Amino acid sequence: MTTIDQQFVEYIVKTLVNNPEKVNVERTIDEKGVLLTLTVDPDDIGRVIGKRGVTAQAIRVLLRALGTKQDARFNLKIVNTDGGEGSEKANESGVAEEVKETEVEVAEDGESSELAEKTRAELADLDDLDI
């Protein structure tokens, strides 16, 4: 049985991705509240996260609003399922976070590797936010 929060996330994500049949939202309850674990096709992970994590952040804000209405605390974890080495690692609090290693083509000005590192750091910071 899927709950309203799972249906909510599924509906939003399925409208964003190219492979809606591969969207899966699992729900677990722990001492911090409700954890929704989202898995999508590896080709769609960028669409769900968005540039600078803006799309993922927007989904988390909407979940926060839903949680306020239901007197619950929702957390969203987006899991990278590409099967590559190091696709997940645990941070200091023991929570698995997404770590995706990608090759970045070097731009003519040579700044893309610096930009890639900055983007990875920003995405890691987004996972640490309690929303």
N, C-alpha and C. Protein backbone atom coordinates (compact mmCIF):
# COMPACT_ATOMS: atom_id res chain seq x y z
N MET A 1 0.84 -1.19 0.00
CA MET A 1 0.00 0.00 0.00
C MET A 1 0.89 1.25 0.00
N THR A 2 0.64 2.13 -0.93
CA THR A 2 1.42 3.36 -0.97
C THR A 2 0.68 4.46 -0.23
N THR A 3 1.46 5.27 0.45
CA THR A 3 0.90 6.37 1.22
C THR A 3 0.85 7.64 0.38
N ILE A 4 0.21 8.64 0.89
CA ILE A 4 0.04 9.90 0.15
C ILE A 4 1.39 10.55 -0.15
N ASP A 5 2.34 10.44 0.76
CA ASP A 5 3.65 11.04 0.53
C ASP A 5 4.41 10.31 -0.58
N GLN A 6 4.29 8.98 -0.62
CA GLN A 6 4.93 8.22 -1.70
C GLN A 6 4.29 8.56 -3.04
N GLN A 7 2.97 8.62 -3.06
CA GLN A 7 2.26 8.96 -4.30
C GLN A 7 2.63 10.36 -4.77
N PHE A 8 2.78 11.27 -3.83
CA PHE A 8 3.14 12.65 -4.15
C PHE A 8 4.50 12.73 -4.84
N VAL A 9 5.49 12.08 -4.25
CA VAL A 9 6.84 12.09 -4.83
C VAL A 9 6.84 11.37 -6.18
N GLU A 10 6.17 10.23 -6.25
CA GLU A 10 6.11 9.49 -7.52
C GLU A 10 5.50 10.34 -8.62
N TYR A 11 4.41 11.02 -8.32
CA TYR A 11 3.73 11.85 -9.32
C TYR A 11 4.66 12.95 -9.84
N ILE A 12 5.33 13.64 -8.94
CA ILE A 12 6.23 14.72 -9.35
C ILE A 12 7.37 14.19 -10.20
N VAL A 13 8.02 13.13 -9.72
CA VAL A 13 9.20 12.59 -10.40
C VAL A 13 8.84 11.98 -11.74
N LYS A 14 7.72 11.27 -11.81
CA LYS A 14 7.33 10.64 -13.07
C LYS A 14 7.05 11.66 -14.17
N THR A 15 6.64 12.86 -13.78
CA THR A 15 6.43 13.89 -14.80
C THR A 15 7.75 14.48 -15.29
N LEU A 16 8.83 14.30 -14.54
CA LEU A 16 10.13 14.86 -14.90
C LEU A 16 10.99 13.94 -15.76
N VAL A 17 10.87 12.64 -15.57
CA VAL A 17 11.81 11.69 -16.15
C VAL A 17 11.35 11.13 -17.49
N ASN A 18 12.29 10.53 -18.22
CA ASN A 18 11.98 9.88 -19.49
C ASN A 18 11.51 8.44 -19.31
N ASN A 19 11.84 7.82 -18.19
CA ASN A 19 11.47 6.43 -17.91
C ASN A 19 10.63 6.35 -16.64
N PRO A 20 9.37 6.78 -16.69
CA PRO A 20 8.56 6.82 -15.47
C PRO A 20 8.29 5.44 -14.88
N GLU A 21 8.37 4.40 -15.68
CA GLU A 21 8.10 3.05 -15.17
C GLU A 21 9.20 2.57 -14.22
N LYS A 22 10.37 3.23 -14.24
CA LYS A 22 11.48 2.83 -13.37
C LYS A 22 11.57 3.67 -12.09
N VAL A 23 10.59 4.52 -11.85
CA VAL A 23 10.57 5.33 -10.63
C VAL A 23 10.05 4.47 -9.49
N ASN A 24 10.78 4.47 -8.38
CA ASN A 24 10.38 3.69 -7.21
C ASN A 24 10.63 4.52 -5.96
N VAL A 25 9.63 4.60 -5.10
CA VAL A 25 9.76 5.32 -3.84
C VAL A 25 9.48 4.35 -2.70
N GLU A 26 10.49 4.13 -1.86
CA GLU A 26 10.33 3.26 -0.69
C GLU A 26 10.23 4.14 0.56
N ARG A 27 9.44 3.69 1.50
CA ARG A 27 9.17 4.48 2.71
C ARG A 27 9.61 3.70 3.93
N THR A 28 10.42 4.35 4.78
CA THR A 28 10.80 3.77 6.06
C THR A 28 10.62 4.83 7.14
N ILE A 29 10.34 4.38 8.33
CA ILE A 29 10.14 5.29 9.46
C ILE A 29 11.24 5.02 10.47
N ASP A 30 11.90 6.09 10.92
CA ASP A 30 12.93 5.95 11.95
C ASP A 30 12.76 7.08 12.97
N GLU A 31 13.75 7.22 13.84
CA GLU A 31 13.65 8.24 14.91
C GLU A 31 13.65 9.67 14.38
N LYS A 32 14.14 9.88 13.17
CA LYS A 32 14.17 11.22 12.58
C LYS A 32 12.91 11.56 11.82
N GLY A 33 12.05 10.59 11.59
CA GLY A 33 10.82 10.82 10.83
C GLY A 33 10.67 9.81 9.72
N VAL A 34 10.08 10.24 8.63
CA VAL A 34 9.81 9.36 7.49
C VAL A 34 10.90 9.59 6.45
N LEU A 35 11.55 8.50 6.04
CA LEU A 35 12.58 8.58 5.00
C LEU A 35 12.01 7.99 3.72
N LEU A 36 11.96 8.80 2.67
CA LEU A 36 11.53 8.34 1.36
C LEU A 36 12.78 8.16 0.51
N THR A 37 13.00 6.94 0.03
CA THR A 37 14.17 6.63 -0.79
C THR A 37 13.71 6.53 -2.23
N LEU A 38 14.23 7.42 -3.06
CA LEU A 38 13.83 7.50 -4.46
C LEU A 38 14.89 6.88 -5.34
N THR A 39 14.48 5.94 -6.19
CA THR A 39 15.37 5.38 -7.19
C THR A 39 14.73 5.60 -8.56
N VAL A 40 15.57 6.00 -9.51
CA VAL A 40 15.12 6.23 -10.88
C VAL A 40 16.13 5.58 -11.82
N ASP A 41 15.81 5.56 -13.09
CA ASP A 41 16.73 5.06 -14.10
C ASP A 41 18.00 5.92 -14.06
N PRO A 42 19.18 5.31 -14.18
CA PRO A 42 20.42 6.10 -14.13
C PRO A 42 20.48 7.25 -15.14
N ASP A 43 19.80 7.08 -16.27
CA ASP A 43 19.78 8.16 -17.28
C ASP A 43 18.96 9.36 -16.83
N ASP A 44 18.07 9.16 -15.86
CA ASP A 44 17.18 10.23 -15.40
C ASP A 44 17.63 10.91 -14.12
N ILE A 45 18.71 10.45 -13.52
CA ILE A 45 19.13 11.00 -12.22
C ILE A 45 19.42 12.50 -12.31
N GLY A 46 19.99 12.93 -13.43
CA GLY A 46 20.27 14.35 -13.61
C GLY A 46 19.01 15.19 -13.68
N ARG A 47 17.97 14.65 -14.28
CA ARG A 47 16.69 15.38 -14.36
C ARG A 47 16.08 15.55 -12.97
N VAL A 48 16.23 14.54 -12.12
CA VAL A 48 15.65 14.61 -10.78
C VAL A 48 16.44 15.56 -9.88
N ILE A 49 17.76 15.54 -10.00
CA ILE A 49 18.58 16.42 -9.17
C ILE A 49 18.55 17.84 -9.71
N GLY A 50 18.67 18.01 -11.01
CA GLY A 50 18.64 19.33 -11.63
C GLY A 50 19.96 20.06 -11.48
N LYS A 51 20.07 21.19 -12.16
CA LYS A 51 21.28 21.99 -12.08
C LYS A 51 21.45 22.52 -10.67
N ARG A 52 22.65 22.30 -10.13
CA ARG A 52 22.97 22.74 -8.77
C ARG A 52 22.03 22.15 -7.72
N GLY A 53 21.35 21.06 -8.05
CA GLY A 53 20.45 20.42 -7.10
C GLY A 53 19.15 21.15 -6.88
N VAL A 54 18.81 22.07 -7.78
CA VAL A 54 17.62 22.90 -7.59
C VAL A 54 16.34 22.07 -7.63
N THR A 55 16.25 21.12 -8.55
CA THR A 55 15.03 20.32 -8.65
C THR A 55 14.84 19.45 -7.41
N ALA A 56 15.90 18.79 -6.98
CA ALA A 56 15.83 17.97 -5.76
C ALA A 56 15.44 18.83 -4.56
N GLN A 57 16.01 20.01 -4.49
CA GLN A 57 15.69 20.92 -3.39
C GLN A 57 14.22 21.32 -3.43
N ALA A 58 13.69 21.57 -4.61
CA ALA A 58 12.28 21.95 -4.74
C ALA A 58 11.36 20.81 -4.29
N ILE A 59 11.71 19.57 -4.66
CA ILE A 59 10.91 18.42 -4.23
C ILE A 59 10.94 18.32 -2.71
N ARG A 60 12.11 18.55 -2.11
CA ARG A 60 12.22 18.48 -0.65
C ARG A 60 11.40 19.59 0.03
N VAL A 61 11.35 20.77 -0.57
CA VAL A 61 10.54 21.85 -0.02
C VAL A 61 9.06 21.49 -0.06
N LEU A 62 8.62 20.90 -1.17
CA LEU A 62 7.23 20.48 -1.27
C LEU A 62 6.91 19.38 -0.25
N LEU A 63 7.84 18.47 -0.04
CA LEU A 63 7.64 17.43 0.98
C LEU A 63 7.56 18.04 2.38
N ARG A 64 8.34 19.07 2.60
CA ARG A 64 8.30 19.76 3.89
C ARG A 64 6.92 20.37 4.13
N ALA A 65 6.35 20.95 3.07
CA ALA A 65 5.00 21.53 3.19
C ALA A 65 3.97 20.44 3.47
N LEU A 66 4.10 19.30 2.80
CA LEU A 66 3.20 18.18 3.04
C LEU A 66 3.36 17.68 4.48
N GLY A 67 4.59 17.63 4.96
CA GLY A 67 4.86 17.19 6.32
C GLY A 67 4.24 18.12 7.36
N THR A 68 4.26 19.41 7.08
CA THR A 68 3.65 20.38 7.98
C THR A 68 2.16 20.12 8.10
N LYS A 69 1.53 19.82 6.97
CA LYS A 69 0.10 19.56 6.97
C LYS A 69 -0.24 18.27 7.71
N GLN A 70 0.65 17.28 7.62
CA GLN A 70 0.38 15.98 8.24
C GLN A 70 1.08 15.79 9.59
N ASP A 71 1.70 16.83 10.12
CA ASP A 71 2.45 16.75 11.37
C ASP A 71 3.50 15.64 11.34
N ALA A 72 4.25 15.59 10.24
CA ALA A 72 5.30 14.58 10.07
C ALA A 72 6.53 15.25 9.49
N ARG A 73 7.66 14.61 9.67
CA ARG A 73 8.92 15.11 9.12
C ARG A 73 9.37 14.14 8.03
N PHE A 74 9.46 14.65 6.80
CA PHE A 74 9.85 13.83 5.67
C PHE A 74 11.26 14.17 5.22
N ASN A 75 12.03 13.14 4.91
CA ASN A 75 13.35 13.30 4.32
C ASN A 75 13.37 12.52 3.01
N LEU A 76 14.01 13.09 2.00
CA LEU A 76 14.10 12.45 0.69
C LEU A 76 15.54 12.10 0.40
N LYS A 77 15.76 10.84 0.08
CA LYS A 77 17.09 10.36 -0.29
C LYS A 77 17.01 9.90 -1.73
N ILE A 78 17.85 10.48 -2.59
CA ILE A 78 17.89 10.09 -3.99
C ILE A 78 19.08 9.17 -4.17
N VAL A 79 18.81 7.94 -4.60
CA VAL A 79 19.84 6.92 -4.69
C VAL A 79 20.30 6.77 -6.13
N ASN A 80 21.62 6.74 -6.30
CA ASN A 80 22.22 6.52 -7.61
C ASN A 80 22.35 5.02 -7.81
N THR A 81 21.69 4.49 -8.83
CA THR A 81 21.69 3.05 -9.06
C THR A 81 22.45 2.66 -10.32
N ASP A 82 23.43 3.46 -10.73
CA ASP A 82 24.14 3.15 -11.97
C ASP A 82 25.09 1.97 -11.81
N GLY A 83 25.29 1.49 -10.58
CA GLY A 83 26.09 0.30 -10.36
C GLY A 83 27.58 0.52 -10.46
N GLY A 84 28.02 1.76 -10.63
CA GLY A 84 29.44 2.05 -10.72
C GLY A 84 30.11 1.94 -9.37
N GLU A 85 31.42 1.87 -9.38
CA GLU A 85 32.16 1.80 -8.12
C GLU A 85 31.94 3.06 -7.31
N GLY A 86 31.77 2.90 -6.04
CA GLY A 86 31.62 4.05 -5.16
C GLY A 86 30.32 4.79 -5.36
N SER A 87 29.25 4.08 -5.76
CA SER A 87 28.00 4.77 -6.00
C SER A 87 27.35 5.26 -4.71
N GLU A 88 27.71 4.67 -3.58
CA GLU A 88 27.23 5.18 -2.30
C GLU A 88 28.35 5.11 -1.30
N LYS A 89 28.36 6.05 -0.38
CA LYS A 89 29.28 5.97 0.75
C LYS A 89 28.57 6.56 1.95
N ALA A 90 29.01 6.20 3.13
CA ALA A 90 28.36 6.69 4.33
C ALA A 90 29.06 7.94 4.81
N ASN A 91 28.27 8.94 5.21
CA ASN A 91 28.86 10.15 5.78
C ASN A 91 29.04 9.97 7.28
N GLU A 92 29.44 11.02 7.98
CA GLU A 92 29.74 10.91 9.41
C GLU A 92 28.56 10.42 10.23
N SER A 93 27.34 10.75 9.84
CA SER A 93 26.18 10.33 10.62
C SER A 93 25.72 8.92 10.26
N GLY A 94 26.43 8.25 9.33
CA GLY A 94 26.08 6.89 8.98
C GLY A 94 25.03 6.79 7.89
N VAL A 95 24.59 7.92 7.35
CA VAL A 95 23.56 7.91 6.32
C VAL A 95 24.25 7.80 4.96
N ALA A 96 23.75 6.90 4.14
CA ALA A 96 24.34 6.75 2.81
C ALA A 96 23.99 7.98 1.98
N GLU A 97 24.96 8.47 1.25
CA GLU A 97 24.70 9.60 0.38
C GLU A 97 25.20 9.28 -1.01
N GLU A 98 24.63 9.97 -1.97
CA GLU A 98 24.96 9.71 -3.36
C GLU A 98 26.32 10.30 -3.69
N VAL A 99 27.16 9.48 -4.31
CA VAL A 99 28.45 9.95 -4.79
C VAL A 99 28.58 9.41 -6.20
N LYS A 100 28.53 10.29 -7.15
CA LYS A 100 28.59 9.86 -8.54
C LYS A 100 29.84 10.41 -9.17
N GLU A 101 30.69 9.52 -9.64
CA GLU A 101 31.91 9.95 -10.30
C GLU A 101 31.65 10.00 -11.79
N THR A 102 31.87 11.16 -12.37
CA THR A 102 31.64 11.32 -13.80
C THR A 102 32.86 11.93 -14.44
N GLU A 103 33.03 11.63 -15.70
CA GLU A 103 34.10 12.27 -16.45
C GLU A 103 33.57 13.61 -16.96
N VAL A 104 34.39 14.63 -16.84
CA VAL A 104 34.00 15.95 -17.27
C VAL A 104 34.95 16.38 -18.38
N GLU A 105 34.37 16.78 -19.50
CA GLU A 105 35.20 17.26 -20.58
C GLU A 105 35.76 18.63 -20.20
N VAL A 106 37.03 18.83 -20.46
CA VAL A 106 37.68 20.08 -20.09
C VAL A 106 37.33 21.13 -21.13
N ALA A 107 36.79 22.23 -20.65
CA ALA A 107 36.44 23.33 -21.54
C ALA A 107 37.70 24.04 -22.00
N GLU A 108 37.54 24.87 -23.02
CA GLU A 108 38.69 25.57 -23.57
C GLU A 108 39.37 26.46 -22.54
N ASP A 109 38.59 27.01 -21.61
CA ASP A 109 39.17 27.89 -20.61
C ASP A 109 39.77 27.12 -19.44
N GLY A 110 39.59 25.79 -19.38
CA GLY A 110 40.20 24.96 -18.36
C GLY A 110 39.52 25.03 -17.00
N GLU A 111 38.33 25.61 -16.91
CA GLU A 111 37.67 25.77 -15.62
C GLU A 111 36.70 24.65 -15.29
N SER A 112 36.45 23.72 -16.20
CA SER A 112 35.39 22.74 -15.96
C SER A 112 35.72 21.79 -14.81
N SER A 113 36.99 21.42 -14.61
CA SER A 113 37.30 20.53 -13.50
C SER A 113 37.08 21.25 -12.17
N GLU A 114 37.37 22.52 -12.11
CA GLU A 114 37.11 23.31 -10.91
C GLU A 114 35.60 23.42 -10.68
N LEU A 115 34.86 23.64 -11.75
CA LEU A 115 33.41 23.73 -11.66
C LEU A 115 32.81 22.40 -11.22
N ALA A 116 33.35 21.30 -11.74
CA ALA A 116 32.85 19.97 -11.37
C ALA A 116 33.06 19.72 -9.88
N GLU A 117 34.22 20.07 -9.36
CA GLU A 117 34.49 19.89 -7.94
C GLU A 117 33.55 20.73 -7.08
N LYS A 118 33.31 21.97 -7.52
CA LYS A 118 32.42 22.86 -6.79
C LYS A 118 30.99 22.30 -6.79
N THR A 119 30.55 21.77 -7.94
CA THR A 119 29.22 21.20 -8.04
C THR A 119 29.07 19.98 -7.15
N ARG A 120 30.08 19.12 -7.13
CA ARG A 120 30.03 17.94 -6.26
C ARG A 120 29.93 18.36 -4.79
N ALA A 121 30.67 19.39 -4.41
CA ALA A 121 30.62 19.87 -3.03
C ALA A 121 29.24 20.42 -2.69
N GLU A 122 28.63 21.16 -3.65
CA GLU A 122 27.29 21.71 -3.41
C GLU A 122 26.26 20.60 -3.27
N LEU A 123 26.36 19.55 -4.10
CA LEU A 123 25.42 18.44 -4.00
C LEU A 123 25.59 17.71 -2.67
N ALA A 124 26.81 17.56 -2.21
CA ALA A 124 27.04 16.92 -0.91
C ALA A 124 26.43 17.75 0.20
N ASP A 125 26.54 19.08 0.10
CA ASP A 125 25.95 19.97 1.11
C ASP A 125 24.44 19.86 1.12
N LEU A 126 23.83 19.69 -0.06
CA LEU A 126 22.36 19.57 -0.13
C LEU A 126 21.87 18.33 0.60
N ASP A 127 22.63 17.24 0.56
CA ASP A 127 22.22 16.03 1.25
C ASP A 127 22.25 16.21 2.76
N ASP A 128 23.06 17.16 3.24
CA ASP A 128 23.17 17.39 4.68
C ASP A 128 22.06 18.27 5.22
N LEU A 129 21.29 18.92 4.35
CA LEU A 129 20.24 19.82 4.80
C LEU A 129 19.08 19.02 5.40
N ASP A 130 18.54 19.51 6.48
CA ASP A 130 17.36 18.90 7.09
C ASP A 130 16.14 19.69 6.67
N ILE A 131 15.47 19.15 5.71
CA ILE A 131 14.28 19.85 5.19
C ILE A 131 13.07 18.96 5.33
